[in-house]
Amino acid sequence: MMRRNDPAPVGVLFTNLGSPDDTSVPAVRRYLREFLSDRRVIDLNRAAWLPILYGIILTFRPRKSAKGYRSVWMDEGSPLLVYARRQVAGIQARLDADLERPVHVALGMRYGNPSIESGLEALHAAGCRKILVLPAYPQYSATTVATTFDKVSEVLEDWPEPPALRQINRYHDDPGYIAALAASVREHWAEHGRADKLVISFHGIPKRYVKQGDPYPRDCGITAQLLAAELGLSRNEYKVCFQSRFGREPWLQPYLDETMKTWGADPEINTVDVICPGFSSDCLETLEEIREENRGYFEQAGGESLRYIPALNDRDDHIEMFARLIREELAGWV
């Protein structure tokens, strides 16, 4: 029987979406195949969806996506993976300084490498019999958080003695998270000036998922309201939009790309700042879709300038927020 003062280390599995291993078309195809085969992401009937996925999407989309990844790739690799590794290192350093009991932090991506399985195995090898799972998604959605927990459960099914588990579902209204977002906006304004409008853009999901019970847009709305209040913005000074829609069915609206085209033609809106609070790390959807694609929509329609406000990435206040969340959730374990 395990004693309450058992000295075994505690593990933290820090997760995010993932990215291709490199920018080659085959690597992007492998990544998209895993991602778009997830029933939480695409819940269509398999008999209808798989022929589309393998016959059309995986034939044509990888080449286009590979070009996008090449435009944002860093010397160390995918931006998402680079920042996730820095986040894990920063969190580990803070926990080492704050806690007497050893806590090991491992990285695991839902799709691609390093995998969730490899992260769990690393924690097991370190002797961790208790593990906290922290998906780096501020707002809960079945398409992100739930599928992460699905994968963790799938991996542990084959373990003779799975560890005790805790999980963090969301942190969309955490004061430290909101304060870090607001600080990043203020720093941007101090350097570049304040734009005519602030857009708070979140990744979209199909409306159908919301009708089935996904609370994601509620979480997004709360984050936007708290951020606007922290910045002292009136309702006409900011707008919530949704990006990255895929396929033909209706997704959460208003759509970011359509809004940028409309605003670009509006003579009263010359400059726009865009922040994406749903992304804990910069990635293809922020660096390419916002900083390049949507900036093009706005400026080609007549707008003067669209400025992207970077994700929180490995900012000190962001790392400290994660470390505090972990310390609080580990109460009773450490």
C-alpha atoms as a PDB file:
ATOM      1  CA  MET A   1       0.000   0.000   0.000  1.00  0.00           C
ATOM      2  CA  MET A   2       1.369   3.395  -0.981  1.00  0.00           C
ATOM      3  CA  ARG A   3       2.097   5.676   1.947  1.00  0.00           C
ATOM      4  CA  ARG A   4       0.933   9.292   1.890  1.00  0.00           C
ATOM      5  CA  ASN A   5       4.546  10.426   2.069  1.00  0.00           C
ATOM      6  CA  ASP A   6       5.612   8.225  -0.826  1.00  0.00           C
ATOM      7  CA  PRO A   7       8.720   9.910  -2.287  1.00  0.00           C
ATOM      8  CA  ALA A   8       8.048   8.863  -5.889  1.00  0.00           C
ATOM      9  CA  PRO A   9       8.193  11.822  -8.289  1.00  0.00           C
ATOM     10  CA  VAL A  10       5.025  13.290  -9.781  1.00  0.00           C
ATOM     11  CA  GLY A  11       4.662  13.735 -13.531  1.00  0.00           C
ATOM     12  CA  VAL A  12       3.155  16.476 -15.672  1.00  0.00           C
ATOM     13  CA  LEU A  13       2.271  15.710 -19.287  1.00  0.00           C
ATOM     14  CA  PHE A  14       2.188  19.024 -21.145  1.00  0.00           C
ATOM     15  CA  THR A  15       0.429  18.639 -24.492  1.00  0.00           C
ATOM     16  CA  ASN A  16      -0.457  20.579 -27.593  1.00  0.00           C
ATOM     17  CA  LEU A  17      -1.755  19.833 -31.082  1.00  0.00           C
ATOM     18  CA  GLY A  18       1.477  18.964 -32.885  1.00  0.00           C
ATOM     19  CA  SER A  19       2.970  19.570 -36.324  1.00  0.00           C
ATOM     20  CA  PRO A  20       4.749  17.712 -39.147  1.00  0.00           C
ATOM     21  CA  ASP A  21       8.268  16.420 -38.571  1.00  0.00           C
ATOM     22  CA  ASP A  22       9.519  18.632 -41.408  1.00  0.00           C
ATOM     23  CA  THR A  23       8.184  20.689 -44.301  1.00  0.00           C
ATOM     24  CA  SER A  24       8.295  17.955 -46.937  1.00  0.00           C
ATOM     25  CA  VAL A  25       5.066  16.927 -48.614  1.00  0.00           C
ATOM     26  CA  PRO A  26       5.268  13.318 -47.310  1.00  0.00           C
ATOM     27  CA  ALA A  27       5.743  14.539 -43.721  1.00  0.00           C
ATOM     28  CA  VAL A  28       2.830  16.939 -44.009  1.00  0.00           C
ATOM     29  CA  ARG A  29       0.693  14.182 -45.530  1.00  0.00           C
ATOM     30  CA  ARG A  30       1.461  11.853 -42.589  1.00  0.00           C
ATOM     31  CA  TYR A  31       0.538  14.578 -40.129  1.00  0.00           C
ATOM     32  CA  LEU A  32      -2.704  15.508 -41.889  1.00  0.00           C
ATOM     33  CA  ARG A  33      -3.679  11.849 -42.175  1.00  0.00           C
ATOM     34  CA  GLU A  34      -3.412  11.380 -38.409  1.00  0.00           C
ATOM     35  CA  PHE A  35      -5.068  14.701 -37.610  1.00  0.00           C
ATOM     36  CA  LEU A  36      -7.998  14.428 -40.011  1.00  0.00           C
ATOM     37  CA  SER A  37      -8.631  10.775 -39.137  1.00  0.00           C
ATOM     38  CA  ASP A  38      -9.512  11.753 -35.560  1.00  0.00           C
ATOM     39  CA  ARG A  39     -13.253  11.285 -35.007  1.00  0.00           C
ATOM     40  CA  ARG A  40     -13.266  14.165 -32.529  1.00  0.00           C
ATOM     41  CA  VAL A  41     -11.986  16.494 -35.252  1.00  0.00           C
ATOM     42  CA  ILE A  42     -14.059  15.184 -38.159  1.00  0.00           C
ATOM     43  CA  ASP A  43     -17.114  13.327 -36.881  1.00  0.00           C
ATOM     44  CA  LEU A  44     -18.583  12.451 -40.275  1.00  0.00           C
ATOM     45  CA  ASN A  45     -19.545   8.879 -41.126  1.00  0.00           C
ATOM     46  CA  ARG A  46     -16.316   7.001 -41.919  1.00  0.00           C
ATOM     47  CA  ALA A  47     -17.763   5.482 -45.091  1.00  0.00           C
ATOM     48  CA  ALA A  48     -18.416   8.987 -46.422  1.00  0.00           C
ATOM     49  CA  TRP A  49     -15.370  10.767 -44.993  1.00  0.00           C
ATOM     50  CA  LEU A  50     -12.463   8.381 -45.634  1.00  0.00           C
ATOM     51  CA  PRO A  51     -12.836   8.330 -49.440  1.00  0.00           C
ATOM     52  CA  ILE A  52     -12.780  12.148 -49.378  1.00  0.00           C
ATOM     53  CA  LEU A  53      -9.786  12.189 -47.043  1.00  0.00           C
ATOM     54  CA  TYR A  54      -7.688   9.668 -48.971  1.00  0.00           C
ATOM     55  CA  GLY A  55      -8.993  10.406 -52.446  1.00  0.00           C
ATOM     56  CA  ILE A  56      -8.982  14.204 -52.483  1.00  0.00           C
ATOM     57  CA  ILE A  57      -7.615  15.934 -49.370  1.00  0.00           C
ATOM     58  CA  LEU A  58      -4.440  13.888 -48.865  1.00  0.00           C
ATOM     59  CA  THR A  59      -3.767  14.090 -52.583  1.00  0.00           C
ATOM     60  CA  PHE A  60      -3.879  17.869 -52.973  1.00  0.00           C
ATOM     61  CA  ARG A  61      -3.769  19.599 -49.564  1.00  0.00           C
ATOM     62  CA  PRO A  62      -0.314  18.432 -48.336  1.00  0.00           C
ATOM     63  CA  ARG A  63       1.513  20.356 -51.063  1.00  0.00           C
ATOM     64  CA  LYS A  64      -0.291  23.594 -50.200  1.00  0.00           C
ATOM     65  CA  SER A  65       0.150  23.064 -46.463  1.00  0.00           C
ATOM     66  CA  ALA A  66       3.836  22.227 -46.897  1.00  0.00           C
ATOM     67  CA  LYS A  67       4.353  25.590 -48.584  1.00  0.00           C
ATOM     68  CA  GLY A  68       2.678  27.296 -45.646  1.00  0.00           C
ATOM     69  CA  TYR A  69       4.835  25.458 -43.130  1.00  0.00           C
ATOM     70  CA  ARG A  70       7.979  26.437 -45.028  1.00  0.00           C
ATOM     71  CA  SER A  71       6.981  30.095 -44.716  1.00  0.00           C
ATOM     72  CA  VAL A  72       6.895  29.930 -40.894  1.00  0.00           C
ATOM     73  CA  TRP A  73       9.471  27.208 -40.083  1.00  0.00           C
ATOM     74  CA  MET A  74      12.159  28.188 -37.590  1.00  0.00           C
ATOM     75  CA  ASP A  75      15.791  27.084 -37.483  1.00  0.00           C
ATOM     76  CA  GLU A  76      14.953  24.684 -34.625  1.00  0.00           C
ATOM     77  CA  GLY A  77      11.827  23.343 -36.353  1.00  0.00           C
ATOM     78  CA  SER A  78       8.091  23.906 -36.212  1.00  0.00           C
ATOM     79  CA  PRO A  79       7.195  27.082 -34.252  1.00  0.00           C
ATOM     80  CA  LEU A  80       4.619  25.169 -32.228  1.00  0.00           C
ATOM     81  CA  LEU A  81       7.163  22.550 -31.197  1.00  0.00           C
ATOM     82  CA  VAL A  82       9.948  25.079 -30.586  1.00  0.00           C
ATOM     83  CA  TYR A  83       7.793  27.145 -28.224  1.00  0.00           C
ATOM     84  CA  ALA A  84       6.301  24.069 -26.549  1.00  0.00           C
ATOM     85  CA  ARG A  85       9.787  22.838 -25.711  1.00  0.00           C
ATOM     86  CA  ARG A  86      10.694  26.240 -24.302  1.00  0.00           C
ATOM     87  CA  GLN A  87       7.486  26.258 -22.272  1.00  0.00           C
ATOM     88  CA  VAL A  88       8.252  22.832 -20.813  1.00  0.00           C
ATOM     89  CA  ALA A  89      11.800  23.896 -19.927  1.00  0.00           C
ATOM     90  CA  GLY A  90      10.540  27.082 -18.273  1.00  0.00           C
ATOM     91  CA  ILE A  91       7.836  25.272 -16.315  1.00  0.00           C
ATOM     92  CA  GLN A  92      10.318  22.629 -15.174  1.00  0.00           C
ATOM     93  CA  ALA A  93      12.728  25.288 -13.920  1.00  0.00           C
ATOM     94  CA  ARG A  94      10.023  27.039 -11.904  1.00  0.00           C
ATOM     95  CA  LEU A  95       8.698  23.835 -10.368  1.00  0.00           C
ATOM     96  CA  ASP A  96      12.240  22.768  -9.451  1.00  0.00           C
ATOM     97  CA  ALA A  97      12.687  26.075  -7.650  1.00  0.00           C
ATOM     98  CA  ASP A  98       9.306  26.105  -5.912  1.00  0.00           C
ATOM     99  CA  LEU A  99       8.676  22.492  -4.886  1.00  0.00           C
ATOM    100  CA  GLU A 100      10.653  20.183  -2.613  1.00  0.00           C
ATOM    101  CA  ARG A 101       9.235  17.001  -4.125  1.00  0.00           C
ATOM    102  CA  PRO A 102      10.520  16.172  -7.613  1.00  0.00           C
ATOM    103  CA  VAL A 103       8.100  16.893 -10.462  1.00  0.00           C
ATOM    104  CA  HIS A 104       8.972  15.823 -13.993  1.00  0.00           C
ATOM    105  CA  VAL A 105       7.442  17.687 -16.952  1.00  0.00           C
ATOM    106  CA  ALA A 106       7.250  15.875 -20.295  1.00  0.00           C
ATOM    107  CA  LEU A 107       5.982  17.036 -23.671  1.00  0.00           C
ATOM    108  CA  GLY A 108       3.539  15.050 -25.782  1.00  0.00           C
ATOM    109  CA  MET A 109       1.797  16.167 -28.969  1.00  0.00           C
ATOM    110  CA  ARG A 110      -1.645  14.851 -29.865  1.00  0.00           C
ATOM    111  CA  TYR A 111      -0.533  14.351 -33.474  1.00  0.00           C
ATOM    112  CA  GLY A 112       3.011  13.865 -34.695  1.00  0.00           C
ATOM    113  CA  ASN A 113       6.134  13.850 -32.538  1.00  0.00           C
ATOM    114  CA  PRO A 114       6.994  13.788 -29.721  1.00  0.00           C
ATOM    115  CA  SER A 115       3.861  11.738 -29.167  1.00  0.00           C
ATOM    116  CA  ILE A 116       1.665  11.516 -26.094  1.00  0.00           C
ATOM    117  CA  GLU A 117       2.782   7.908 -25.796  1.00  0.00           C
ATOM    118  CA  SER A 118       6.455   8.908 -25.673  1.00  0.00           C
ATOM    119  CA  GLY A 119       5.699  11.582 -23.077  1.00  0.00           C
ATOM    120  CA  LEU A 120       3.877   9.116 -20.835  1.00  0.00           C
ATOM    121  CA  GLU A 121       6.652   6.567 -21.240  1.00  0.00           C
ATOM    122  CA  ALA A 122       9.253   9.165 -20.246  1.00  0.00           C
ATOM    123  CA  LEU A 123       7.307   9.945 -17.074  1.00  0.00           C
ATOM    124  CA  HIS A 124       6.931   6.234 -16.327  1.00  0.00           C
ATOM    125  CA  ALA A 125      10.674   5.715 -16.784  1.00  0.00           C
ATOM    126  CA  ALA A 126      11.262   8.546 -14.310  1.00  0.00           C
ATOM    127  CA  GLY A 127       9.207   6.652 -11.724  1.00  0.00           C
ATOM    128  CA  CYS A 128       6.100   8.843 -11.822  1.00  0.00           C
ATOM    129  CA  ARG A 129       3.065   7.026 -10.423  1.00  0.00           C
ATOM    130  CA  LYS A 130       0.880  10.125 -10.426  1.00  0.00           C
ATOM    131  CA  ILE A 131       0.475  12.257 -13.567  1.00  0.00           C
ATOM    132  CA  LEU A 132      -1.242  15.553 -14.262  1.00  0.00           C
ATOM    133  CA  VAL A 133      -2.304  16.067 -17.882  1.00  0.00           C
ATOM    134  CA  LEU A 134      -2.230  19.706 -19.003  1.00  0.00           C
ATOM    135  CA  PRO A 135      -3.400  20.389 -22.583  1.00  0.00           C
ATOM    136  CA  ALA A 136      -2.222  23.887 -23.545  1.00  0.00           C
ATOM    137  CA  TYR A 137      -5.651  24.924 -24.825  1.00  0.00           C
ATOM    138  CA  PRO A 138      -7.174  27.758 -22.771  1.00  0.00           C
ATOM    139  CA  GLN A 139     -10.723  27.114 -24.012  1.00  0.00           C
ATOM    140  CA  TYR A 140     -12.245  23.639 -23.803  1.00  0.00           C
ATOM    141  CA  SER A 141     -13.392  21.849 -26.933  1.00  0.00           C
ATOM    142  CA  ALA A 142     -13.961  18.184 -27.635  1.00  0.00           C
ATOM    143  CA  THR A 143     -11.844  18.690 -30.773  1.00  0.00           C
ATOM    144  CA  THR A 144      -8.761  19.582 -28.725  1.00  0.00           C
ATOM    145  CA  VAL A 145      -8.954  18.822 -24.992  1.00  0.00           C
ATOM    146  CA  ALA A 146     -11.238  15.772 -25.106  1.00  0.00           C
ATOM    147  CA  THR A 147      -9.277  14.073 -27.869  1.00  0.00           C
ATOM    148  CA  THR A 148      -6.104  14.582 -25.825  1.00  0.00           C
ATOM    149  CA  PHE A 149      -7.660  12.728 -22.909  1.00  0.00           C
ATOM    150  CA  ASP A 150      -8.909  10.064 -25.331  1.00  0.00           C
ATOM    151  CA  LYS A 151      -5.344   9.458 -26.499  1.00  0.00           C
ATOM    152  CA  VAL A 152      -3.968   9.331 -22.951  1.00  0.00           C
ATOM    153  CA  SER A 153      -6.585   6.711 -22.052  1.00  0.00           C
ATOM    154  CA  GLU A 154      -5.823   4.759 -25.219  1.00  0.00           C
ATOM    155  CA  VAL A 155      -2.122   4.611 -24.410  1.00  0.00           C
ATOM    156  CA  LEU A 156      -2.696   3.601 -20.787  1.00  0.00           C
ATOM    157  CA  GLU A 157      -5.079   0.782 -21.714  1.00  0.00           C
ATOM    158  CA  ASP A 158      -2.095  -1.518 -22.252  1.00  0.00           C
ATOM    159  CA  TRP A 159      -0.204  -0.576 -19.095  1.00  0.00           C
ATOM    160  CA  PRO A 160      -0.289  -3.271 -16.372  1.00  0.00           C
ATOM    161  CA  GLU A 161      -0.573  -0.567 -13.696  1.00  0.00           C
ATOM    162  CA  PRO A 162      -1.638   2.848 -15.025  1.00  0.00           C
ATOM    163  CA  PRO A 163      -0.710   5.897 -12.955  1.00  0.00           C
ATOM    164  CA  ALA A 164      -3.178   7.961 -10.971  1.00  0.00           C
ATOM    165  CA  LEU A 165      -4.377  10.797 -13.219  1.00  0.00           C
ATOM    166  CA  ARG A 166      -5.506  14.371 -12.840  1.00  0.00           C
ATOM    167  CA  GLN A 167      -6.330  16.700 -15.693  1.00  0.00           C
ATOM    168  CA  ILE A 168      -6.829  20.404 -16.385  1.00  0.00           C
ATOM    169  CA  ASN A 169      -9.763  20.942 -18.747  1.00  0.00           C
ATOM    170  CA  ARG A 170      -9.458  24.678 -19.377  1.00  0.00           C
ATOM    171  CA  TYR A 171      -8.016  27.929 -18.061  1.00  0.00           C
ATOM    172  CA  HIS A 172      -9.961  30.403 -20.204  1.00  0.00           C
ATOM    173  CA  ASP A 173     -10.781  32.721 -17.293  1.00  0.00           C
ATOM    174  CA  ASP A 174      -7.630  32.362 -15.218  1.00  0.00           C
ATOM    175  CA  PRO A 175      -6.546  35.813 -13.939  1.00  0.00           C
ATOM    176  CA  GLY A 176      -2.892  35.167 -14.764  1.00  0.00           C
ATOM    177  CA  TYR A 177      -3.748  34.132 -18.302  1.00  0.00           C
ATOM    178  CA  ILE A 178      -5.932  37.209 -18.863  1.00  0.00           C
ATOM    179  CA  ALA A 179      -3.278  39.477 -17.348  1.00  0.00           C
ATOM    180  CA  ALA A 180      -0.584  38.022 -19.631  1.00  0.00           C
ATOM    181  CA  LEU A 181      -2.785  38.524 -22.705  1.00  0.00           C
ATOM    182  CA  ALA A 182      -3.498  42.111 -21.707  1.00  0.00           C
ATOM    183  CA  ALA A 183       0.184  42.785 -21.055  1.00  0.00           C
ATOM    184  CA  SER A 184       1.077  41.501 -24.525  1.00  0.00           C
ATOM    185  CA  VAL A 185      -1.480  43.852 -26.096  1.00  0.00           C
ATOM    186  CA  ARG A 186      -0.269  46.855 -24.102  1.00  0.00           C
ATOM    187  CA  GLU A 187       3.345  46.124 -25.050  1.00  0.00           C
ATOM    188  CA  HIS A 188       2.328  45.901 -28.714  1.00  0.00           C
ATOM    189  CA  TRP A 189       0.486  49.220 -28.481  1.00  0.00           C
ATOM    190  CA  ALA A 190       3.445  50.854 -26.749  1.00  0.00           C
ATOM    191  CA  GLU A 191       5.732  49.830 -29.615  1.00  0.00           C
ATOM    192  CA  HIS A 192       3.437  50.183 -32.633  1.00  0.00           C
ATOM    193  CA  GLY A 193       0.611  52.459 -31.533  1.00  0.00           C
ATOM    194  CA  ARG A 194      -3.005  51.477 -31.110  1.00  0.00           C
ATOM    195  CA  ALA A 195      -4.967  50.358 -34.159  1.00  0.00           C
ATOM    196  CA  ASP A 196      -8.484  51.458 -35.004  1.00  0.00           C
ATOM    197  CA  LYS A 197      -9.840  48.029 -34.050  1.00  0.00           C
ATOM    198  CA  LEU A 198      -8.714  45.033 -32.016  1.00  0.00           C
ATOM    199  CA  VAL A 199      -9.766  41.632 -33.351  1.00  0.00           C
ATOM    200  CA  ILE A 200      -9.856  38.734 -30.891  1.00  0.00           C
ATOM    201  CA  SER A 201      -9.673  35.696 -33.151  1.00  0.00           C
ATOM    202  CA  PHE A 202     -10.272  32.093 -32.116  1.00  0.00           C
ATOM    203  CA  HIS A 203      -9.991  28.878 -34.101  1.00  0.00           C
ATOM    204  CA  GLY A 204     -13.431  27.908 -35.338  1.00  0.00           C
ATOM    205  CA  ILE A 205     -15.367  24.662 -35.089  1.00  0.00           C
ATOM    206  CA  PRO A 206     -18.509  23.560 -36.957  1.00  0.00           C
ATOM    207  CA  LYS A 207     -21.748  24.966 -35.541  1.00  0.00           C
ATOM    208  CA  ARG A 208     -23.054  21.427 -35.491  1.00  0.00           C
ATOM    209  CA  TYR A 209     -20.543  20.527 -32.760  1.00  0.00           C
ATOM    210  CA  VAL A 210     -21.901  23.320 -30.576  1.00  0.00           C
ATOM    211  CA  LYS A 211     -25.466  22.065 -31.047  1.00  0.00           C
ATOM    212  CA  GLN A 212     -24.195  18.672 -29.869  1.00  0.00           C
ATOM    213  CA  GLY A 213     -22.982  20.237 -26.621  1.00  0.00           C
ATOM    214  CA  ASP A 214     -19.440  21.520 -27.188  1.00  0.00           C
ATOM    215  CA  PRO A 215     -19.036  24.539 -24.836  1.00  0.00           C
ATOM    216  CA  TYR A 216     -16.162  26.054 -26.808  1.00  0.00           C
ATOM    217  CA  PRO A 217     -17.817  29.319 -27.966  1.00  0.00           C
ATOM    218  CA  ARG A 218     -18.911  30.066 -24.396  1.00  0.00           C
ATOM    219  CA  ASP A 219     -15.326  29.769 -23.183  1.00  0.00           C
ATOM    220  CA  CYS A 220     -14.136  31.973 -26.055  1.00  0.00           C
ATOM    221  CA  GLY A 221     -16.716  34.613 -25.209  1.00  0.00           C
ATOM    222  CA  ILE A 222     -15.667  34.691 -21.568  1.00  0.00           C
ATOM    223  CA  THR A 223     -11.990  35.061 -22.486  1.00  0.00           C
ATOM    224  CA  ALA A 224     -12.785  37.915 -24.898  1.00  0.00           C
ATOM    225  CA  GLN A 225     -14.957  39.746 -22.387  1.00  0.00           C
ATOM    226  CA  LEU A 226     -12.363  39.468 -19.627  1.00  0.00           C
ATOM    227  CA  LEU A 227      -9.556  40.615 -21.932  1.00  0.00           C
ATOM    228  CA  ALA A 228     -11.582  43.576 -23.181  1.00  0.00           C
ATOM    229  CA  ALA A 229     -12.435  44.548 -19.606  1.00  0.00           C
ATOM    230  CA  GLU A 230      -8.787  44.287 -18.553  1.00  0.00           C
ATOM    231  CA  LEU A 231      -7.859  46.607 -21.448  1.00  0.00           C
ATOM    232  CA  GLY A 232     -10.748  48.973 -20.768  1.00  0.00           C
ATOM    233  CA  LEU A 233     -12.243  48.527 -24.243  1.00  0.00           C
ATOM    234  CA  SER A 234     -15.769  49.474 -25.151  1.00  0.00           C
ATOM    235  CA  ARG A 235     -17.821  47.030 -27.200  1.00  0.00           C
ATOM    236  CA  ASN A 236     -17.268  48.905 -30.479  1.00  0.00           C
ATOM    237  CA  GLU A 237     -13.476  48.915 -30.051  1.00  0.00           C
ATOM    238  CA  TYR A 238     -13.028  45.161 -30.491  1.00  0.00           C
ATOM    239  CA  LYS A 239     -14.599  42.250 -32.322  1.00  0.00           C
ATOM    240  CA  VAL A 240     -14.546  38.500 -31.759  1.00  0.00           C
ATOM    241  CA  CYS A 241     -14.009  36.425 -34.921  1.00  0.00           C
ATOM    242  CA  PHE A 242     -13.363  32.793 -35.813  1.00  0.00           C
ATOM    243  CA  GLN A 243     -10.738  31.540 -38.248  1.00  0.00           C
ATOM    244  CA  SER A 244      -9.492  28.382 -39.955  1.00  0.00           C
ATOM    245  CA  ARG A 245     -12.796  26.963 -41.174  1.00  0.00           C
ATOM    246  CA  PHE A 246     -12.605  23.787 -43.213  1.00  0.00           C
ATOM    247  CA  GLY A 247     -15.176  22.287 -45.554  1.00  0.00           C
ATOM    248  CA  ARG A 248     -18.553  23.609 -46.643  1.00  0.00           C
ATOM    249  CA  GLU A 249     -20.755  23.301 -43.560  1.00  0.00           C
ATOM    250  CA  PRO A 250     -21.376  26.390 -41.370  1.00  0.00           C
ATOM    251  CA  TRP A 251     -18.764  27.108 -38.708  1.00  0.00           C
ATOM    252  CA  LEU A 252     -18.767  29.585 -35.830  1.00  0.00           C
ATOM    253  CA  GLN A 253     -19.204  33.148 -37.059  1.00  0.00           C
ATOM    254  CA  PRO A 254     -18.316  35.887 -37.770  1.00  0.00           C
ATOM    255  CA  TYR A 255     -15.599  34.539 -40.057  1.00  0.00           C
ATOM    256  CA  LEU A 256     -12.288  36.361 -39.752  1.00  0.00           C
ATOM    257  CA  ASP A 257     -11.444  36.375 -43.463  1.00  0.00           C
ATOM    258  CA  GLU A 258     -14.807  37.863 -44.466  1.00  0.00           C
ATOM    259  CA  THR A 259     -14.538  40.472 -41.712  1.00  0.00           C
ATOM    260  CA  MET A 260     -11.070  41.519 -42.884  1.00  0.00           C
ATOM    261  CA  LYS A 261     -12.263  41.922 -46.478  1.00  0.00           C
ATOM    262  CA  THR A 262     -15.209  44.045 -45.333  1.00  0.00           C
ATOM    263  CA  TRP A 263     -13.154  46.173 -42.968  1.00  0.00           C
ATOM    264  CA  GLY A 264     -10.424  46.687 -45.540  1.00  0.00           C
ATOM    265  CA  ALA A 265     -12.976  48.438 -47.760  1.00  0.00           C
ATOM    266  CA  ASP A 266     -14.259  50.588 -44.879  1.00  0.00           C
ATOM    267  CA  PRO A 267     -12.676  54.087 -45.073  1.00  0.00           C
ATOM    268  CA  GLU A 268     -13.104  54.500 -41.300  1.00  0.00           C
ATOM    269  CA  ILE A 269     -10.952  51.458 -40.470  1.00  0.00           C
ATOM    270  CA  ASN A 270      -7.337  51.924 -41.503  1.00  0.00           C
ATOM    271  CA  THR A 271      -5.483  49.709 -39.042  1.00  0.00           C
ATOM    272  CA  VAL A 272      -6.329  46.468 -37.254  1.00  0.00           C
ATOM    273  CA  ASP A 273      -4.574  44.575 -34.468  1.00  0.00           C
ATOM    274  CA  VAL A 274      -5.253  40.829 -34.207  1.00  0.00           C
ATOM    275  CA  ILE A 275      -4.663  38.652 -31.149  1.00  0.00           C
ATOM    276  CA  CYS A 276      -5.409  34.910 -31.001  1.00  0.00           C
ATOM    277  CA  PRO A 277      -5.947  33.954 -27.328  1.00  0.00           C
ATOM    278  CA  GLY A 278      -6.813  30.344 -28.123  1.00  0.00           C
ATOM    279  CA  PHE A 279      -3.266  29.574 -29.274  1.00  0.00           C
ATOM    280  CA  SER A 280      -0.743  29.153 -26.463  1.00  0.00           C
ATOM    281  CA  SER A 281       2.060  29.010 -29.052  1.00  0.00           C
ATOM    282  CA  ASP A 282       2.497  30.547 -32.459  1.00  0.00           C
ATOM    283  CA  CYS A 283       1.942  28.106 -35.293  1.00  0.00           C
ATOM    284  CA  LEU A 284       0.766  27.852 -38.891  1.00  0.00           C
ATOM    285  CA  GLU A 285      -2.690  29.201 -37.979  1.00  0.00           C
ATOM    286  CA  THR A 286      -1.259  32.387 -36.506  1.00  0.00           C
ATOM    287  CA  LEU A 287       1.953  33.086 -38.390  1.00  0.00           C
ATOM    288  CA  GLU A 288       0.731  32.140 -41.852  1.00  0.00           C
ATOM    289  CA  GLU A 289      -3.049  32.476 -41.656  1.00  0.00           C
ATOM    290  CA  ILE A 290      -3.153  35.736 -39.677  1.00  0.00           C
ATOM    291  CA  ARG A 291       0.163  37.457 -40.327  1.00  0.00           C
ATOM    292  CA  GLU A 292       0.188  36.654 -44.047  1.00  0.00           C
ATOM    293  CA  GLU A 293      -3.160  35.476 -45.442  1.00  0.00           C
ATOM    294  CA  ASN A 294      -5.596  37.685 -43.524  1.00  0.00           C
ATOM    295  CA  ARG A 295      -3.265  40.659 -43.627  1.00  0.00           C
ATOM    296  CA  GLY A 296      -3.421  40.246 -47.396  1.00  0.00           C
ATOM    297  CA  TYR A 297      -7.235  40.203 -47.372  1.00  0.00           C
ATOM    298  CA  PHE A 298      -7.383  43.399 -45.313  1.00  0.00           C
ATOM    299  CA  GLU A 299      -4.711  45.369 -47.126  1.00  0.00           C
ATOM    300  CA  GLN A 300      -5.721  44.273 -50.634  1.00  0.00           C
ATOM    301  CA  ALA A 301      -9.266  45.424 -49.887  1.00  0.00           C
ATOM    302  CA  GLY A 302      -7.946  48.904 -49.073  1.00  0.00           C
ATOM    303  CA  GLY A 303      -6.877  48.719 -45.427  1.00  0.00           C
ATOM    304  CA  GLU A 304      -3.607  50.327 -44.418  1.00  0.00           C
ATOM    305  CA  SER A 305      -2.130  47.788 -42.019  1.00  0.00           C
ATOM    306  CA  LEU A 306      -3.007  44.597 -40.133  1.00  0.00           C
ATOM    307  CA  ARG A 307      -0.629  43.870 -37.246  1.00  0.00           C
ATOM    308  CA  TYR A 308      -0.527  40.462 -35.575  1.00  0.00           C
ATOM    309  CA  ILE A 309       0.112  40.374 -31.804  1.00  0.00           C
ATOM    310  CA  PRO A 310       2.227  37.260 -31.094  1.00  0.00           C
ATOM    311  CA  ALA A 311       0.976  34.392 -28.957  1.00  0.00           C
ATOM    312  CA  LEU A 312       2.148  34.243 -25.353  1.00  0.00           C
ATOM    313  CA  ASN A 313       4.699  31.558 -26.287  1.00  0.00           C
ATOM    314  CA  ASP A 314       7.500  31.447 -23.680  1.00  0.00           C
ATOM    315  CA  ARG A 315       6.876  34.851 -22.077  1.00  0.00           C
ATOM    316  CA  ASP A 316       7.757  34.860 -18.375  1.00  0.00           C
ATOM    317  CA  ASP A 317       4.215  35.702 -17.271  1.00  0.00           C
ATOM    318  CA  HIS A 318       2.839  32.868 -19.410  1.00  0.00           C
ATOM    319  CA  ILE A 319       5.297  30.334 -17.991  1.00  0.00           C
ATOM    320  CA  GLU A 320       4.566  31.485 -14.444  1.00  0.00           C
ATOM    321  CA  MET A 321       0.828  31.103 -15.096  1.00  0.00           C
ATOM    322  CA  PHE A 322       1.337  27.498 -16.224  1.00  0.00           C
ATOM    323  CA  ALA A 323       3.573  26.738 -13.223  1.00  0.00           C
ATOM    324  CA  ARG A 324       0.995  28.172 -10.820  1.00  0.00           C
ATOM    325  CA  LEU A 325      -1.826  26.161 -12.412  1.00  0.00           C
ATOM    326  CA  ILE A 326       0.256  23.030 -11.959  1.00  0.00           C
ATOM    327  CA  ARG A 327       1.201  23.819  -8.359  1.00  0.00           C
ATOM    328  CA  GLU A 328      -2.452  24.398  -7.485  1.00  0.00           C
ATOM    329  CA  GLU A 329      -3.641  21.225  -9.229  1.00  0.00           C
ATOM    330  CA  LEU A 330      -0.948  19.132  -7.539  1.00  0.00           C
ATOM    331  CA  ALA A 331      -2.139  20.074  -4.054  1.00  0.00           C
ATOM    332  CA  GLY A 332      -2.179  16.916  -1.945  1.00  0.00           C
ATOM    333  CA  TRP A 333       0.268  15.188  -4.298  1.00  0.00           C
ATOM    334  CA  VAL A 334       3.280  17.377  -3.539  1.00  0.00           C
END
